[in-house]
């Protein structure tokens, strides 16, 4: 059995001192968010706990990291990184293609404008 890549760190959360096991990349992303937002890790974790649905703290943290960086992503950035099949489809084109192929992205996502999608509950 392969060794786990998860890194265990002690944090202070809403209920006091606890530990979390996350991938090194998630810890790096949390550090970057804290630097960008000018906050301590404990404050960020407590914010996630207050705003996330009830469930596993580590899952809520992973979703927060994904949502944070995804909200900053732009179509221009995706094109520059050559993301996608042809490197230049907009979010609305991707969503429409998914609909035509029988997917139901509309239940979880909404098209805000030609180049932006976001979770349907926002």
N, C-alpha and C. Protein backbone atom coordinates (compact mmCIF):
# COMPACT_ATOMS: atom_id res chain seq x y z
N UNK A 1 0.84 -1.19 0.00
CA UNK A 1 0.00 0.00 0.00
C UNK A 1 0.89 1.25 0.00
N UNK A 2 0.58 2.17 -0.89
CA UNK A 2 1.37 3.40 -1.01
C UNK A 2 1.14 4.31 0.19
N UNK A 3 2.19 5.02 0.54
CA UNK A 3 2.09 5.97 1.65
C UNK A 3 1.19 7.13 1.26
N UNK A 4 0.46 7.64 2.22
CA UNK A 4 -0.45 8.75 1.97
C UNK A 4 0.33 10.03 1.74
N UNK A 5 -0.15 10.83 0.82
CA UNK A 5 0.45 12.14 0.56
C UNK A 5 -0.13 13.21 1.48
N UNK A 6 -1.18 12.87 2.22
CA UNK A 6 -1.84 13.85 3.06
C UNK A 6 -0.90 14.33 4.16
N UNK A 7 -0.98 15.63 4.42
CA UNK A 7 -0.17 16.25 5.46
C UNK A 7 -1.10 16.61 6.61
N UNK A 8 -0.75 16.16 7.80
CA UNK A 8 -1.56 16.44 8.99
C UNK A 8 -1.02 17.69 9.68
N UNK A 9 -1.90 18.65 9.95
CA UNK A 9 -1.50 19.88 10.65
C UNK A 9 -2.53 20.19 11.71
N UNK A 10 -2.05 20.72 12.82
CA UNK A 10 -2.94 21.17 13.90
C UNK A 10 -3.41 22.58 13.59
N UNK A 11 -4.69 22.82 13.79
CA UNK A 11 -5.27 24.13 13.57
C UNK A 11 -6.22 24.46 14.72
N UNK A 12 -6.55 25.73 14.83
CA UNK A 12 -7.57 26.14 15.77
C UNK A 12 -8.82 26.43 14.95
N UNK A 13 -9.88 25.72 15.25
CA UNK A 13 -11.14 25.90 14.52
C UNK A 13 -12.21 26.31 15.51
N UNK A 14 -13.45 26.39 15.04
CA UNK A 14 -14.56 26.84 15.87
C UNK A 14 -14.67 26.09 17.20
N UNK A 15 -14.43 24.79 17.18
CA UNK A 15 -14.56 23.99 18.38
C UNK A 15 -13.28 23.89 19.19
N UNK A 16 -12.25 24.65 18.84
CA UNK A 16 -10.97 24.59 19.54
C UNK A 16 -9.89 23.98 18.66
N UNK A 17 -8.87 23.47 19.31
CA UNK A 17 -7.73 22.91 18.58
C UNK A 17 -8.09 21.54 18.01
N UNK A 18 -7.76 21.34 16.73
CA UNK A 18 -8.02 20.08 16.06
C UNK A 18 -6.96 19.88 14.99
N UNK A 19 -7.06 18.80 14.25
CA UNK A 19 -6.11 18.58 13.16
C UNK A 19 -6.87 18.33 11.87
N UNK A 20 -6.17 18.61 10.77
CA UNK A 20 -6.74 18.38 9.43
C UNK A 20 -5.68 17.71 8.58
N UNK A 21 -6.12 16.77 7.75
CA UNK A 21 -5.23 16.10 6.80
C UNK A 21 -5.62 16.51 5.39
N UNK A 22 -4.71 17.23 4.74
CA UNK A 22 -4.96 17.72 3.38
C UNK A 22 -3.73 17.49 2.52
N UNK A 23 -3.92 17.51 1.21
CA UNK A 23 -2.81 17.39 0.28
C UNK A 23 -1.91 18.62 0.41
N UNK A 24 -0.60 18.45 0.14
CA UNK A 24 0.32 19.60 0.23
C UNK A 24 -0.12 20.77 -0.65
N UNK A 25 -0.69 20.46 -1.82
CA UNK A 25 -1.14 21.53 -2.73
C UNK A 25 -2.29 22.33 -2.12
N UNK A 26 -3.15 21.68 -1.34
CA UNK A 26 -4.26 22.38 -0.69
C UNK A 26 -3.72 23.27 0.41
N UNK A 27 -2.75 22.77 1.17
CA UNK A 27 -2.13 23.62 2.21
C UNK A 27 -1.47 24.84 1.56
N UNK A 28 -0.78 24.63 0.42
CA UNK A 28 -0.16 25.76 -0.29
C UNK A 28 -1.21 26.76 -0.75
N UNK A 29 -2.33 26.25 -1.27
CA UNK A 29 -3.41 27.13 -1.73
C UNK A 29 -4.01 27.91 -0.56
N UNK A 30 -4.18 27.25 0.58
CA UNK A 30 -4.69 27.94 1.77
C UNK A 30 -3.75 29.06 2.19
N UNK A 31 -2.45 28.78 2.15
CA UNK A 31 -1.45 29.80 2.50
C UNK A 31 -1.56 30.99 1.55
N UNK A 32 -1.73 30.70 0.24
CA UNK A 32 -1.86 31.78 -0.73
C UNK A 32 -3.12 32.60 -0.49
N UNK A 33 -4.23 31.94 -0.21
CA UNK A 33 -5.47 32.66 0.08
C UNK A 33 -5.27 33.57 1.29
N UNK A 34 -4.66 33.05 2.33
CA UNK A 34 -4.42 33.86 3.54
C UNK A 34 -3.56 35.08 3.23
N UNK A 35 -2.52 34.90 2.42
CA UNK A 35 -1.67 36.03 2.05
C UNK A 35 -2.45 37.06 1.24
N UNK A 36 -3.24 36.58 0.27
CA UNK A 36 -4.02 37.49 -0.57
C UNK A 36 -5.07 38.25 0.24
N UNK A 37 -5.69 37.58 1.19
CA UNK A 37 -6.78 38.17 1.96
C UNK A 37 -6.33 38.82 3.25
N UNK A 38 -5.05 38.70 3.59
CA UNK A 38 -4.52 39.31 4.81
C UNK A 38 -5.13 38.73 6.07
N UNK A 39 -5.25 37.41 6.11
CA UNK A 39 -5.85 36.78 7.29
C UNK A 39 -5.02 35.58 7.73
N UNK A 40 -5.23 35.18 8.95
CA UNK A 40 -4.57 34.01 9.51
C UNK A 40 -5.33 32.75 9.09
N UNK A 41 -4.62 31.63 9.06
CA UNK A 41 -5.24 30.36 8.68
C UNK A 41 -6.43 30.03 9.58
N UNK A 42 -6.30 30.24 10.87
CA UNK A 42 -7.41 29.91 11.79
C UNK A 42 -8.66 30.72 11.45
N UNK A 43 -8.47 31.98 11.04
CA UNK A 43 -9.62 32.83 10.67
C UNK A 43 -10.27 32.32 9.39
N UNK A 44 -9.44 31.89 8.43
CA UNK A 44 -9.98 31.35 7.19
C UNK A 44 -10.76 30.07 7.44
N UNK A 45 -10.21 29.19 8.26
CA UNK A 45 -10.90 27.93 8.57
C UNK A 45 -12.21 28.20 9.28
N UNK A 46 -12.22 29.15 10.21
CA UNK A 46 -13.46 29.48 10.91
C UNK A 46 -14.48 30.09 9.95
N UNK A 47 -14.03 30.89 8.98
CA UNK A 47 -14.93 31.44 7.96
C UNK A 47 -15.55 30.31 7.14
N UNK A 48 -14.73 29.35 6.74
CA UNK A 48 -15.23 28.21 5.97
C UNK A 48 -16.27 27.44 6.79
N UNK A 49 -15.98 27.23 8.06
CA UNK A 49 -16.92 26.50 8.92
C UNK A 49 -18.26 27.23 9.05
N UNK A 50 -18.21 28.57 9.13
CA UNK A 50 -19.45 29.35 9.28
C UNK A 50 -20.28 29.38 8.01
N UNK A 51 -19.63 29.34 6.85
CA UNK A 51 -20.35 29.52 5.60
C UNK A 51 -20.60 28.23 4.84
N UNK A 52 -19.95 27.14 5.22
CA UNK A 52 -20.10 25.88 4.50
C UNK A 52 -21.29 25.09 5.03
N UNK A 53 -21.87 24.26 4.16
CA UNK A 53 -22.93 23.36 4.65
C UNK A 53 -22.36 22.40 5.70
N UNK A 54 -23.22 21.86 6.51
CA UNK A 54 -22.79 20.92 7.54
C UNK A 54 -22.14 19.72 6.86
N UNK A 55 -21.03 19.29 7.39
CA UNK A 55 -20.34 18.14 6.81
C UNK A 55 -18.91 18.11 7.27
N UNK A 56 -18.12 17.45 6.51
CA UNK A 56 -16.72 17.27 6.84
C UNK A 56 -15.94 18.57 6.62
N UNK A 57 -15.20 18.98 7.63
CA UNK A 57 -14.42 20.22 7.56
C UNK A 57 -13.41 20.16 6.41
N UNK A 58 -12.69 19.04 6.27
CA UNK A 58 -11.68 18.97 5.22
C UNK A 58 -12.31 19.09 3.83
N UNK A 59 -13.47 18.49 3.63
CA UNK A 59 -14.15 18.63 2.34
C UNK A 59 -14.57 20.07 2.11
N UNK A 60 -15.08 20.71 3.14
CA UNK A 60 -15.50 22.12 3.02
C UNK A 60 -14.30 23.01 2.67
N UNK A 61 -13.15 22.71 3.25
CA UNK A 61 -11.94 23.49 2.96
C UNK A 61 -11.53 23.28 1.51
N UNK A 62 -11.54 22.04 1.05
CA UNK A 62 -11.18 21.77 -0.35
C UNK A 62 -12.12 22.49 -1.31
N UNK A 63 -13.41 22.46 -1.03
CA UNK A 63 -14.39 23.14 -1.88
C UNK A 63 -14.16 24.65 -1.85
N UNK A 64 -13.85 25.19 -0.69
CA UNK A 64 -13.59 26.63 -0.57
C UNK A 64 -12.39 27.02 -1.44
N UNK A 65 -11.31 26.24 -1.37
CA UNK A 65 -10.12 26.53 -2.16
C UNK A 65 -10.46 26.50 -3.65
N UNK A 66 -11.17 25.47 -4.08
CA UNK A 66 -11.56 25.35 -5.48
C UNK A 66 -12.42 26.53 -5.91
N UNK A 67 -13.41 26.87 -5.09
CA UNK A 67 -14.31 27.97 -5.41
C UNK A 67 -13.57 29.30 -5.46
N UNK A 68 -12.66 29.52 -4.52
CA UNK A 68 -11.89 30.76 -4.46
C UNK A 68 -11.11 30.98 -5.76
N UNK A 69 -10.36 29.96 -6.15
CA UNK A 69 -9.54 30.12 -7.34
C UNK A 69 -10.35 30.04 -8.63
N UNK A 70 -11.41 29.27 -8.61
CA UNK A 70 -12.26 29.17 -9.80
C UNK A 70 -12.94 30.51 -10.07
N UNK A 71 -13.32 31.21 -9.01
CA UNK A 71 -13.98 32.50 -9.20
C UNK A 71 -13.02 33.53 -9.79
N UNK A 72 -11.71 33.31 -9.62
CA UNK A 72 -10.72 34.22 -10.18
C UNK A 72 -10.30 33.85 -11.59
N UNK A 73 -10.69 32.65 -12.04
CA UNK A 73 -10.31 32.20 -13.38
C UNK A 73 -11.08 32.99 -14.43
N UNK A 74 -10.43 33.27 -15.53
CA UNK A 74 -11.06 34.00 -16.62
C UNK A 74 -10.94 33.19 -17.91
N UNK A 75 -11.78 33.50 -18.86
CA UNK A 75 -11.68 32.84 -20.16
C UNK A 75 -10.32 33.12 -20.79
N UNK A 76 -9.83 34.34 -20.64
CA UNK A 76 -8.52 34.70 -21.20
C UNK A 76 -7.43 33.82 -20.59
N UNK A 77 -7.51 33.60 -19.27
CA UNK A 77 -6.53 32.74 -18.61
C UNK A 77 -6.60 31.30 -19.08
N UNK A 78 -7.83 30.80 -19.28
CA UNK A 78 -7.99 29.44 -19.79
C UNK A 78 -7.41 29.31 -21.19
N UNK A 79 -7.67 30.31 -22.03
CA UNK A 79 -7.13 30.27 -23.39
C UNK A 79 -5.60 30.30 -23.37
N UNK A 80 -5.03 31.16 -22.52
CA UNK A 80 -3.57 31.26 -22.43
C UNK A 80 -2.94 29.95 -21.96
N UNK A 81 -3.65 29.23 -21.09
CA UNK A 81 -3.15 27.95 -20.58
C UNK A 81 -3.50 26.80 -21.53
N UNK A 82 -4.18 27.12 -22.64
CA UNK A 82 -4.60 26.13 -23.64
C UNK A 82 -5.48 25.04 -23.03
N UNK A 83 -6.39 25.45 -22.14
CA UNK A 83 -7.35 24.51 -21.56
C UNK A 83 -8.44 24.22 -22.57
N UNK A 84 -8.99 23.03 -22.50
CA UNK A 84 -10.10 22.65 -23.36
C UNK A 84 -9.63 21.89 -24.59
N UNK A 85 -10.60 21.37 -25.30
CA UNK A 85 -10.29 20.55 -26.47
C UNK A 85 -9.60 21.35 -27.56
N UNK A 86 -10.09 22.55 -27.78
CA UNK A 86 -9.48 23.36 -28.84
C UNK A 86 -8.82 24.62 -28.29
N UNK A 87 -8.78 24.74 -26.99
CA UNK A 87 -8.07 25.84 -26.37
C UNK A 87 -8.76 27.18 -26.40
N UNK A 88 -10.00 27.25 -26.93
CA UNK A 88 -10.63 28.57 -26.96
C UNK A 88 -12.14 28.56 -26.84
N UNK A 89 -12.75 27.49 -26.32
CA UNK A 89 -14.21 27.50 -26.14
C UNK A 89 -14.56 28.29 -24.89
N UNK A 90 -15.60 29.10 -24.98
CA UNK A 90 -16.05 29.88 -23.82
C UNK A 90 -16.86 28.99 -22.89
N UNK A 91 -17.10 29.46 -21.67
CA UNK A 91 -17.89 28.71 -20.69
C UNK A 91 -19.28 28.42 -21.22
N UNK A 92 -19.90 29.38 -21.90
CA UNK A 92 -21.26 29.15 -22.41
C UNK A 92 -21.25 28.07 -23.49
N UNK A 93 -20.22 28.02 -24.31
CA UNK A 93 -20.12 26.97 -25.33
C UNK A 93 -19.94 25.61 -24.68
N UNK A 94 -19.15 25.53 -23.64
CA UNK A 94 -18.94 24.28 -22.92
C UNK A 94 -20.24 23.81 -22.29
N UNK A 95 -20.98 24.72 -21.66
CA UNK A 95 -22.25 24.37 -21.02
C UNK A 95 -23.26 23.89 -22.07
N UNK A 96 -23.34 24.58 -23.19
CA UNK A 96 -24.28 24.19 -24.24
C UNK A 96 -23.91 22.82 -24.81
N UNK A 97 -22.64 22.57 -25.00
CA UNK A 97 -22.18 21.27 -25.49
C UNK A 97 -22.57 20.17 -24.50
N UNK A 98 -22.43 20.44 -23.22
CA UNK A 98 -22.80 19.46 -22.20
C UNK A 98 -24.29 19.19 -22.23
N UNK A 99 -25.10 20.23 -22.41
CA UNK A 99 -26.56 20.06 -22.50
C UNK A 99 -26.93 19.18 -23.69
N UNK A 100 -26.31 19.44 -24.84
CA UNK A 100 -26.61 18.67 -26.05
C UNK A 100 -26.23 17.21 -25.89
N UNK A 101 -25.21 16.93 -25.05
CA UNK A 101 -24.76 15.56 -24.85
C UNK A 101 -25.52 14.87 -23.72
N UNK A 102 -26.59 15.49 -23.24
CA UNK A 102 -27.43 14.85 -22.23
C UNK A 102 -27.05 15.18 -20.81
N UNK A 103 -26.05 16.02 -20.60
CA UNK A 103 -25.69 16.42 -19.24
C UNK A 103 -26.71 17.38 -18.68
N UNK A 104 -26.72 17.55 -17.39
CA UNK A 104 -27.65 18.48 -16.78
C UNK A 104 -26.90 19.50 -15.94
N UNK A 105 -25.99 20.27 -16.56
CA UNK A 105 -25.24 21.25 -15.80
C UNK A 105 -26.11 22.35 -15.22
N UNK A 106 -27.28 22.59 -15.83
CA UNK A 106 -28.14 23.66 -15.35
C UNK A 106 -28.63 23.44 -13.94
N UNK A 107 -28.63 22.19 -13.48
CA UNK A 107 -29.09 21.93 -12.12
C UNK A 107 -28.06 22.38 -11.09
N UNK A 108 -26.81 22.49 -11.49
CA UNK A 108 -25.76 22.90 -10.56
C UNK A 108 -25.09 24.21 -10.94
N UNK A 109 -25.21 24.62 -12.20
CA UNK A 109 -24.51 25.81 -12.68
C UNK A 109 -25.46 26.69 -13.48
N UNK A 110 -25.17 27.96 -13.49
CA UNK A 110 -25.93 28.87 -14.34
C UNK A 110 -24.95 29.69 -15.17
N UNK A 111 -25.36 30.05 -16.36
CA UNK A 111 -24.54 30.87 -17.22
C UNK A 111 -24.81 32.32 -16.86
N UNK A 112 -23.79 33.02 -16.44
CA UNK A 112 -23.91 34.43 -16.04
C UNK A 112 -23.83 35.31 -17.27
N UNK A 113 -22.85 35.09 -18.10
CA UNK A 113 -22.72 35.77 -19.37
C UNK A 113 -21.92 34.86 -20.29
N UNK A 114 -21.58 35.35 -21.45
CA UNK A 114 -20.94 34.52 -22.45
C UNK A 114 -19.66 33.86 -21.96
N UNK A 115 -18.95 34.47 -21.04
CA UNK A 115 -17.67 33.93 -20.60
C UNK A 115 -17.63 33.51 -19.14
N UNK A 116 -18.79 33.40 -18.49
CA UNK A 116 -18.78 33.09 -17.07
C UNK A 116 -19.91 32.18 -16.67
N UNK A 117 -19.59 31.17 -15.85
CA UNK A 117 -20.59 30.32 -15.22
C UNK A 117 -20.34 30.37 -13.74
N UNK A 118 -21.36 30.09 -12.93
CA UNK A 118 -21.18 30.06 -11.49
C UNK A 118 -22.20 29.10 -10.89
N UNK A 119 -21.97 28.68 -9.63
CA UNK A 119 -22.93 27.78 -9.00
C UNK A 119 -24.34 28.36 -9.02
N UNK A 120 -25.32 27.51 -9.26
CA UNK A 120 -26.70 27.96 -9.41
C UNK A 120 -27.25 28.63 -8.16
N UNK A 121 -26.76 28.30 -7.00
CA UNK A 121 -27.30 28.87 -5.76
C UNK A 121 -26.79 30.25 -5.43
N UNK A 122 -25.95 30.86 -6.28
CA UNK A 122 -25.40 32.18 -5.96
C UNK A 122 -26.16 33.28 -6.62
